[in-house]
């Protein structure tokens, strides 16, 4: 008997809430420790996260192959499973690669293993619902280095094992988070690690050798060696106060790409900011409910925004135990002025910048600011309209609604 053929139990309990579950709601199937290779008794595995819906019919999802940073030593491949689950719920299969660490085997084993994992996943694309035409590499720190070299050599006859050789290594793009690009970079750069000695991470990578005494081997490890010809697009992200991998590593890659006449662009500023500083994957994306406060030019004044009041409200919400975050969406002429207001009020609430006014075009919000604040559920459906910092009665409605939703008791509609 299929799910659709089952008879629904119509028993009703007073006060019970019901919810219709869509076939399109996404969940995650976690498949741990999938062996993709075993060389000389050394087994290496993948952690695979697969998007799941209640009804699966020939679904295929793009694949992100993630390489965990570990200074090329043994990886903790479980460390970011929870965070990567967010990508899975957005419709990506995510596979976390465990490679042979440099303590066991030097470069290029880490590259070979990553490319072997890509071919293994292409071989098993039907089993894991993978769109084999859309494969992406993602790595951070030393994992960023491995992702870069693996992706840049994906079309070259380099660093390939004999396993699954009938399948392709090719990737559509590389995501490089603060990856190492030059292991010979002098220690004079502001980092807290030894980078050249035989016992350094870089020394281990090339077989426990002094990096500066083996420049030919060091050059082979550099992604910049493989920038000729047709290469995949690369997204580079790096913190300017990185104490382990110097920011200048990514600057050097940027300059090398420019020297090779590759198109290099700086995207528009990240849209989600706190006090004008970029923030990635803010907490509000994980909250059960959100208060969305839309701000256009008419509302972008200190008295209209009431940032101090919103922060006090956030403190009260947290003290009451509600799973709610507050988000501002701003379509204004002067974002510098907006950031000054945030800093002046020490506002730590996230702002989503909408410089093209796309949200207004889609939703056609009323011009009156009183009707530009919304309580949303996890699917971004509107539960209430009105600003709880402008009107105590509206805040009472918010509390009543949130309390009833948390307790399962039906609340009153406004």
Protein backbone atom coordinates (compact mmCIF):
# COMPACT_ATOMS: atom_id res chain seq x y z
CA UNK A 1 0.00 0.00 0.00
CA UNK A 2 1.37 3.41 -0.96
CA UNK A 3 1.26 6.46 1.29
CA UNK A 4 -1.46 7.99 -0.88
CA UNK A 5 -3.64 4.87 -0.51
CA UNK A 6 -3.51 4.89 3.28
CA UNK A 7 -6.70 5.86 5.12
CA UNK A 8 -6.31 9.04 7.16
CA UNK A 9 -7.15 8.84 10.84
CA UNK A 10 -9.72 11.56 11.38
CA UNK A 11 -9.74 11.40 15.18
CA UNK A 12 -9.74 14.96 16.51
CA UNK A 13 -8.56 16.10 19.92
CA UNK A 14 -9.71 19.50 21.11
CA UNK A 15 -6.89 22.01 20.77
CA UNK A 16 -4.95 19.81 18.36
CA UNK A 17 -3.20 21.56 15.49
CA UNK A 18 -2.72 19.91 12.11
CA UNK A 19 -0.25 20.68 9.40
CA UNK A 20 -0.29 19.56 5.79
CA UNK A 21 3.12 18.27 4.76
CA UNK A 22 4.18 19.08 1.23
CA UNK A 23 5.83 16.49 -0.99
CA UNK A 24 8.51 19.11 -1.66
CA UNK A 25 9.69 19.61 1.93
CA UNK A 26 13.37 18.73 2.13
CA UNK A 27 15.03 16.52 4.71
CA UNK A 28 18.45 14.87 4.83
CA UNK A 29 19.56 11.27 4.53
CA UNK A 30 23.00 10.91 6.15
CA UNK A 31 25.05 7.97 4.87
CA UNK A 32 28.18 7.65 7.01
CA UNK A 33 31.55 6.06 6.24
CA UNK A 34 31.06 4.99 2.61
CA UNK A 35 34.33 3.38 1.51
CA UNK A 36 35.49 4.69 -1.85
CA UNK A 37 39.02 3.27 -1.91
CA UNK A 38 41.34 0.87 -0.13
CA UNK A 39 45.01 1.07 -1.06
CA UNK A 40 47.59 -1.09 0.68
CA UNK A 41 45.15 -1.72 3.48
CA UNK A 42 44.43 1.98 3.95
CA UNK A 43 40.68 2.48 3.68
CA UNK A 44 39.24 5.90 2.99
CA UNK A 45 35.59 6.87 3.30
CA UNK A 46 33.02 9.52 2.45
CA UNK A 47 30.33 11.10 4.59
CA UNK A 48 27.40 11.61 2.22
CA UNK A 49 24.40 13.87 2.80
CA UNK A 50 21.52 13.39 0.36
CA UNK A 51 18.46 15.65 0.10
CA UNK A 52 15.28 13.66 0.66
CA UNK A 53 11.65 14.40 -0.02
CA UNK A 54 8.68 12.26 0.97
CA UNK A 55 8.18 11.26 -2.63
CA UNK A 56 11.33 10.84 -4.73
CA UNK A 57 10.82 10.56 -8.49
CA UNK A 58 13.98 10.66 -10.60
CA UNK A 59 15.41 13.54 -8.56
CA UNK A 60 18.99 14.60 -9.30
CA UNK A 61 20.88 17.14 -7.24
CA UNK A 62 24.16 18.96 -7.85
CA UNK A 63 27.07 17.53 -5.89
CA UNK A 64 29.42 19.44 -3.58
CA UNK A 65 32.58 17.48 -2.76
CA UNK A 66 33.93 19.01 0.45
CA UNK A 67 37.56 18.70 1.62
CA UNK A 68 37.97 19.34 5.33
CA UNK A 69 40.99 21.42 6.34
CA UNK A 70 43.41 19.70 8.72
CA UNK A 71 46.89 21.01 7.87
CA UNK A 72 47.03 17.88 5.64
CA UNK A 73 47.10 15.72 8.78
CA UNK A 74 44.31 13.34 9.81
CA UNK A 75 40.93 14.98 9.23
CA UNK A 76 37.95 15.18 11.52
CA UNK A 77 35.48 14.48 8.72
CA UNK A 78 32.51 14.69 11.10
CA UNK A 79 33.31 18.23 12.28
CA UNK A 80 31.14 20.11 9.79
CA UNK A 81 28.40 17.59 9.08
CA UNK A 82 25.86 19.78 10.88
CA UNK A 83 26.85 22.93 9.00
CA UNK A 84 26.99 21.19 5.63
CA UNK A 85 23.51 19.85 6.28
CA UNK A 86 22.32 23.40 5.57
CA UNK A 87 23.66 23.06 2.00
CA UNK A 88 21.99 19.68 1.70
CA UNK A 89 18.62 21.16 2.64
CA UNK A 90 19.08 23.72 -0.13
CA UNK A 91 19.15 20.88 -2.65
CA UNK A 92 22.79 19.73 -2.85
CA UNK A 93 24.25 16.29 -2.31
CA UNK A 94 27.30 16.85 -0.08
CA UNK A 95 30.17 14.36 0.14
CA UNK A 96 32.94 14.91 2.70
CA UNK A 97 36.23 13.39 1.54
CA UNK A 98 38.65 11.61 3.82
CA UNK A 99 42.06 11.45 2.15
CA UNK A 100 45.33 9.76 3.11
CA UNK A 101 46.96 12.21 5.47
CA UNK A 102 50.49 13.52 5.02
CA UNK A 103 51.64 11.60 8.12
CA UNK A 104 51.11 8.42 6.06
CA UNK A 105 51.72 9.46 2.45
CA UNK A 106 53.07 12.76 1.06
CA UNK A 107 51.75 14.86 -1.82
CA UNK A 108 50.13 14.13 -4.27
CA UNK A 109 48.21 11.38 -2.43
CA UNK A 110 45.68 13.91 -1.09
CA UNK A 111 44.94 15.12 -4.63
CA UNK A 112 44.74 11.60 -6.03
CA UNK A 113 42.27 10.57 -3.33
CA UNK A 114 40.02 13.58 -3.86
CA UNK A 115 39.87 12.95 -7.60
CA UNK A 116 39.24 9.25 -6.96
CA UNK A 117 36.32 10.21 -4.72
CA UNK A 118 34.84 12.36 -7.50
CA UNK A 119 35.03 9.45 -9.95
CA UNK A 120 33.53 7.06 -7.38
CA UNK A 121 30.60 9.42 -6.86
CA UNK A 122 30.04 9.71 -10.60
CA UNK A 123 30.00 5.92 -10.82
CA UNK A 124 27.34 5.77 -8.08
CA UNK A 125 25.42 8.89 -9.13
CA UNK A 126 22.09 7.07 -9.37
CA UNK A 127 22.43 5.56 -5.90
CA UNK A 128 23.04 8.98 -4.33
CA UNK A 129 20.70 11.03 -6.60
CA UNK A 130 23.61 13.00 -8.06
CA UNK A 131 23.46 15.16 -11.16
CA UNK A 132 26.82 14.03 -12.51
CA UNK A 133 26.99 17.05 -14.83
CA UNK A 134 27.04 19.45 -11.89
CA UNK A 135 29.91 18.59 -9.57
CA UNK A 136 31.61 21.27 -7.44
CA UNK A 137 34.70 21.18 -5.20
CA UNK A 138 34.76 23.02 -1.87
CA UNK A 139 37.58 23.16 0.65
CA UNK A 140 38.86 25.26 3.52
CA UNK A 141 42.46 25.94 4.61
CA UNK A 142 44.57 22.93 3.58
CA UNK A 143 41.31 21.53 2.20
CA UNK A 144 41.07 24.64 0.04
CA UNK A 145 44.54 23.83 -1.30
CA UNK A 146 43.53 20.25 -2.10
CA UNK A 147 40.29 21.42 -3.73
CA UNK A 148 42.19 23.94 -5.86
CA UNK A 149 44.84 21.53 -7.13
CA UNK A 150 42.28 18.75 -7.66
CA UNK A 151 39.93 21.05 -9.57
CA UNK A 152 42.60 22.81 -11.62
CA UNK A 153 44.05 19.45 -12.75
CA UNK A 154 40.66 17.79 -13.24
CA UNK A 155 41.11 17.77 -17.04
CA UNK A 156 44.82 16.95 -16.96
CA UNK A 157 46.51 13.53 -16.87
CA UNK A 158 48.02 14.35 -13.48
CA UNK A 159 47.53 12.93 -10.00
CA UNK A 160 45.06 10.25 -11.10
CA UNK A 161 44.85 6.79 -9.59
CA UNK A 162 43.70 3.80 -11.65
CA UNK A 163 40.42 3.47 -9.74
CA UNK A 164 37.22 4.21 -11.66
CA UNK A 165 39.34 5.52 -14.52
CA UNK A 166 36.41 5.30 -16.95
CA UNK A 167 34.75 8.22 -15.13
CA UNK A 168 35.59 11.93 -15.28
CA UNK A 169 37.31 14.10 -12.64
CA UNK A 170 35.87 17.32 -14.06
CA UNK A 171 34.17 19.89 -11.85
CA UNK A 172 32.02 22.90 -12.70
CA UNK A 173 33.64 25.25 -10.16
CA UNK A 174 35.91 25.42 -7.11
CA UNK A 175 35.06 27.11 -3.80
CA UNK A 176 38.28 28.08 -2.03
CA UNK A 177 37.95 29.20 1.59
CA UNK A 178 41.32 30.57 2.77
CA UNK A 179 43.27 27.89 0.95
CA UNK A 180 47.07 27.59 0.86
CA UNK A 181 48.48 28.38 -2.59
CA UNK A 182 52.23 28.70 -1.95
CA UNK A 183 53.93 26.59 0.70
CA UNK A 184 57.19 28.51 0.20
CA UNK A 185 55.69 31.77 1.44
CA UNK A 186 58.04 33.16 4.08
CA UNK A 187 57.18 32.99 7.77
CA UNK A 188 57.51 36.78 7.86
CA UNK A 189 53.86 36.99 6.93
CA UNK A 190 51.61 37.41 9.97
CA UNK A 191 50.68 33.87 10.93
CA UNK A 192 51.20 31.84 14.08
CA UNK A 193 52.52 28.67 12.43
CA UNK A 194 55.93 27.39 11.35
CA UNK A 195 55.56 26.90 7.60
CA UNK A 196 58.94 25.76 6.20
CA UNK A 197 60.66 23.31 8.52
CA UNK A 198 60.45 19.52 8.01
CA UNK A 199 58.12 19.20 11.01
CA UNK A 200 55.76 21.92 9.74
CA UNK A 201 52.46 21.01 8.03
CA UNK A 202 54.00 22.06 4.70
CA UNK A 203 57.14 20.02 5.45
CA UNK A 204 55.03 16.94 6.18
CA UNK A 205 53.12 17.51 2.94
CA UNK A 206 56.26 17.02 0.83
CA UNK A 207 57.68 14.11 2.83
CA UNK A 208 59.02 15.78 5.99
CA UNK A 209 61.47 17.97 4.08
CA UNK A 210 62.53 21.57 4.44
CA UNK A 211 60.27 23.36 1.97
CA UNK A 212 62.86 25.94 0.92
CA UNK A 213 65.38 23.20 0.10
CA UNK A 214 62.98 21.35 -2.23
CA UNK A 215 61.52 24.12 -4.36
CA UNK A 216 60.80 21.85 -7.35
CA UNK A 217 58.53 19.65 -5.22
CA UNK A 218 57.00 22.73 -3.57
CA UNK A 219 56.16 24.17 -6.97
CA UNK A 220 54.25 21.00 -7.88
CA UNK A 221 52.03 21.48 -4.82
CA UNK A 222 51.02 25.02 -5.82
CA UNK A 223 47.66 25.62 -7.51
CA UNK A 224 49.31 28.49 -9.37
CA UNK A 225 51.29 25.94 -11.39
CA UNK A 226 48.07 24.77 -13.06
CA UNK A 227 46.42 27.99 -14.21
CA UNK A 228 47.07 27.62 -17.95
CA UNK A 229 44.32 26.73 -20.37
CA UNK A 230 40.64 26.29 -19.60
CA UNK A 231 40.13 26.18 -15.83
CA UNK A 232 36.96 26.01 -13.72
CA UNK A 233 35.62 29.21 -12.11
CA UNK A 234 37.03 29.80 -8.63
CA UNK A 235 35.33 31.54 -5.71
CA UNK A 236 37.92 32.84 -3.22
CA UNK A 237 37.03 33.85 0.34
CA UNK A 238 39.62 34.75 2.99
CA UNK A 239 39.67 36.62 6.29
CA UNK A 240 42.12 39.53 6.56
CA UNK A 241 43.14 38.54 10.10
CA UNK A 242 43.72 34.83 9.45
CA UNK A 243 46.46 33.71 11.85
CA UNK A 244 47.10 30.32 10.23
CA UNK A 245 46.89 30.91 6.48
CA UNK A 246 48.02 34.43 5.63
CA UNK A 247 45.51 36.54 3.70
CA UNK A 248 48.33 37.24 1.24
CA UNK A 249 48.06 33.63 0.10
CA UNK A 250 44.73 34.41 -1.56
CA UNK A 251 46.06 37.75 -2.82
CA UNK A 252 48.88 35.85 -4.52
CA UNK A 253 46.37 33.54 -6.23
CA UNK A 254 44.34 36.55 -7.36
CA UNK A 255 47.45 38.16 -8.89
CA UNK A 256 48.46 34.90 -10.57
CA UNK A 257 45.02 34.62 -12.16
CA UNK A 258 45.31 38.20 -13.39
CA UNK A 259 48.79 37.50 -14.81
CA UNK A 260 47.31 34.57 -16.76
CA UNK A 261 44.69 36.94 -18.22
CA UNK A 262 41.85 35.15 -16.45
CA UNK A 263 38.69 37.13 -15.88
CA UNK A 264 38.68 38.17 -12.23
CA UNK A 265 35.69 39.96 -10.74
CA UNK A 266 34.71 41.14 -7.29
CA UNK A 267 31.05 40.33 -6.60
CA UNK A 268 28.69 42.83 -5.10
CA UNK A 269 29.10 43.09 -1.31
CA UNK A 270 27.64 40.19 0.60
CA UNK A 271 24.03 41.05 1.27
CA UNK A 272 23.74 40.05 4.92
CA UNK A 273 25.63 42.37 7.24
CA UNK A 274 25.89 43.19 10.94
CA UNK A 275 27.00 46.79 11.61
CA UNK A 276 28.18 46.93 8.00
CA UNK A 277 30.39 43.84 8.30
CA UNK A 278 29.71 40.80 6.15
CA UNK A 279 28.33 37.77 7.90
CA UNK A 280 27.84 34.34 6.35
CA UNK A 281 24.96 31.98 7.24
CA UNK A 282 23.55 34.05 10.12
CA UNK A 283 21.60 32.30 12.86
CA UNK A 284 18.22 33.52 11.62
CA UNK A 285 18.30 30.95 8.81
CA UNK A 286 18.06 28.17 11.39
CA UNK A 287 15.35 29.71 13.59
CA UNK A 288 11.80 28.41 13.72
CA UNK A 289 10.28 31.89 13.39
CA UNK A 290 11.52 35.24 12.09
CA UNK A 291 10.40 38.81 12.46
CA UNK A 292 11.12 40.52 9.14
CA UNK A 293 11.23 44.30 9.25
CA UNK A 294 11.32 45.90 5.79
CA UNK A 295 12.96 49.34 5.52
CA UNK A 296 12.77 51.62 2.50
CA UNK A 297 14.14 55.13 2.17
CA UNK A 298 11.17 56.66 3.97
CA UNK A 299 11.82 54.48 7.00
CA UNK A 300 15.58 54.89 7.13
CA UNK A 301 15.86 57.40 9.95
CA UNK A 302 16.89 56.81 13.53
CA UNK A 303 13.45 57.62 14.89
CA UNK A 304 11.65 55.45 12.33
CA UNK A 305 13.96 52.44 12.63
CA UNK A 306 13.94 52.30 16.45
CA UNK A 307 17.04 50.09 16.57
CA UNK A 308 17.41 50.42 20.34
CA UNK A 309 13.81 49.28 20.83
CA UNK A 310 14.31 46.32 18.50
CA UNK A 311 17.36 45.19 20.45
CA UNK A 312 15.42 45.37 23.72
CA UNK A 313 12.66 43.37 22.08
CA UNK A 314 15.19 40.74 20.99
CA UNK A 315 16.41 40.43 24.57
CA UNK A 316 12.83 39.96 25.78
CA UNK A 317 12.14 37.36 23.07
CA UNK A 318 15.21 35.38 24.13
CA UNK A 319 14.29 35.62 27.81
CA UNK A 320 10.84 34.19 27.02
CA UNK A 321 12.42 31.22 25.25
CA UNK A 322 10.88 31.90 21.84
CA UNK A 323 12.80 30.45 18.86
CA UNK A 324 12.65 33.73 16.96
CA UNK A 325 15.20 35.94 15.27
CA UNK A 326 14.84 39.46 13.91
CA UNK A 327 15.95 40.41 10.41
CA UNK A 328 15.94 43.79 8.65
CA UNK A 329 15.66 44.04 4.87
CA UNK A 330 16.87 47.43 3.63
CA UNK A 331 16.26 49.13 0.30
CA UNK A 332 17.75 52.57 0.81
CA UNK A 333 19.73 55.19 -1.10
CA UNK A 334 22.58 55.49 1.38
CA UNK A 335 23.83 52.27 2.97
CA UNK A 336 26.72 54.10 4.63
CA UNK A 337 24.22 56.13 6.62
CA UNK A 338 22.39 52.95 7.53
CA UNK A 339 25.62 51.40 8.84
CA UNK A 340 26.38 54.53 10.87
CA UNK A 341 22.98 54.18 12.55
CA UNK A 342 23.68 50.51 13.29
CA UNK A 343 27.04 51.27 14.87
CA UNK A 344 25.71 54.25 16.80
CA UNK A 345 23.07 52.01 18.35
CA UNK A 346 25.48 49.05 18.72
CA UNK A 347 22.92 47.05 16.81
CA UNK A 348 23.89 43.39 16.40
CA UNK A 349 20.80 42.42 14.42
CA UNK A 350 21.39 41.24 10.82
CA UNK A 351 20.52 43.46 7.85
CA UNK A 352 19.82 42.06 4.41
CA UNK A 353 20.78 44.62 1.76
CA UNK A 354 18.43 44.79 -1.21
CA UNK A 355 20.04 47.47 -3.43
CA UNK A 356 17.80 46.71 -6.43
CA UNK A 357 14.58 46.70 -4.43
CA UNK A 358 13.85 43.13 -5.52
CA UNK A 359 11.87 42.25 -2.41
CA UNK A 360 9.56 45.20 -2.92
CA UNK A 361 9.08 44.32 -6.60
CA UNK A 362 8.12 40.76 -5.70
CA UNK A 363 5.92 41.49 -2.68
CA UNK A 364 4.53 44.99 -3.33
CA UNK A 365 4.66 46.04 0.33
CA UNK A 366 2.32 48.84 1.47
CA UNK A 367 3.94 52.27 1.63
CA UNK A 368 3.00 52.70 5.30
CA UNK A 369 5.91 51.45 7.50
CA UNK A 370 3.40 50.11 10.06
CA UNK A 371 2.54 47.37 7.56
CA UNK A 372 6.12 46.47 6.66
CA UNK A 373 6.86 44.17 9.61
CA UNK A 374 5.94 40.48 9.52
CA UNK A 375 6.11 37.41 11.74
CA UNK A 376 7.15 34.48 9.52
CA UNK A 377 7.30 30.75 10.11
CA UNK A 378 10.16 28.47 9.00
CA UNK A 379 8.72 28.34 5.47
CA UNK A 380 8.50 32.16 5.35
CA UNK A 381 4.72 32.16 5.52
CA UNK A 382 3.21 35.28 7.09
CA UNK A 383 1.63 34.66 10.50
CA UNK A 384 1.13 38.27 11.63
CA UNK A 385 1.56 41.77 10.21
CA UNK A 386 2.51 44.80 12.29
CA UNK A 387 5.40 46.17 14.30
CA UNK A 388 5.65 44.98 17.93
CA UNK A 389 7.90 47.92 18.83
CA UNK A 390 5.36 50.45 17.56
CA UNK A 391 2.30 49.08 19.33
CA UNK A 392 2.02 47.17 22.61
CA UNK A 393 -1.19 45.49 21.45
CA UNK A 394 0.61 44.05 18.44
CA UNK A 395 3.39 42.76 20.70
CA UNK A 396 0.71 41.10 22.82
CA UNK A 397 -0.61 39.42 19.65
CA UNK A 398 2.91 38.26 18.79
CA UNK A 399 3.36 36.77 22.27
CA UNK A 400 -0.02 35.06 22.15
CA UNK A 401 0.68 33.62 18.72
CA UNK A 402 4.20 32.43 19.58
CA UNK A 403 3.07 30.92 22.89
CA UNK A 404 0.27 29.01 21.19
CA UNK A 405 2.54 27.80 18.39
CA UNK A 406 5.12 26.59 20.89
CA UNK A 407 2.56 24.87 23.08
CA UNK A 408 0.40 23.45 20.31
CA UNK A 409 -2.63 25.47 21.45
CA UNK A 410 -4.40 27.25 18.58
CA UNK A 411 -3.93 31.00 18.78
CA UNK A 412 -6.23 33.77 17.67
CA UNK A 413 -5.82 35.26 14.23
CA UNK A 414 -5.29 39.03 14.12
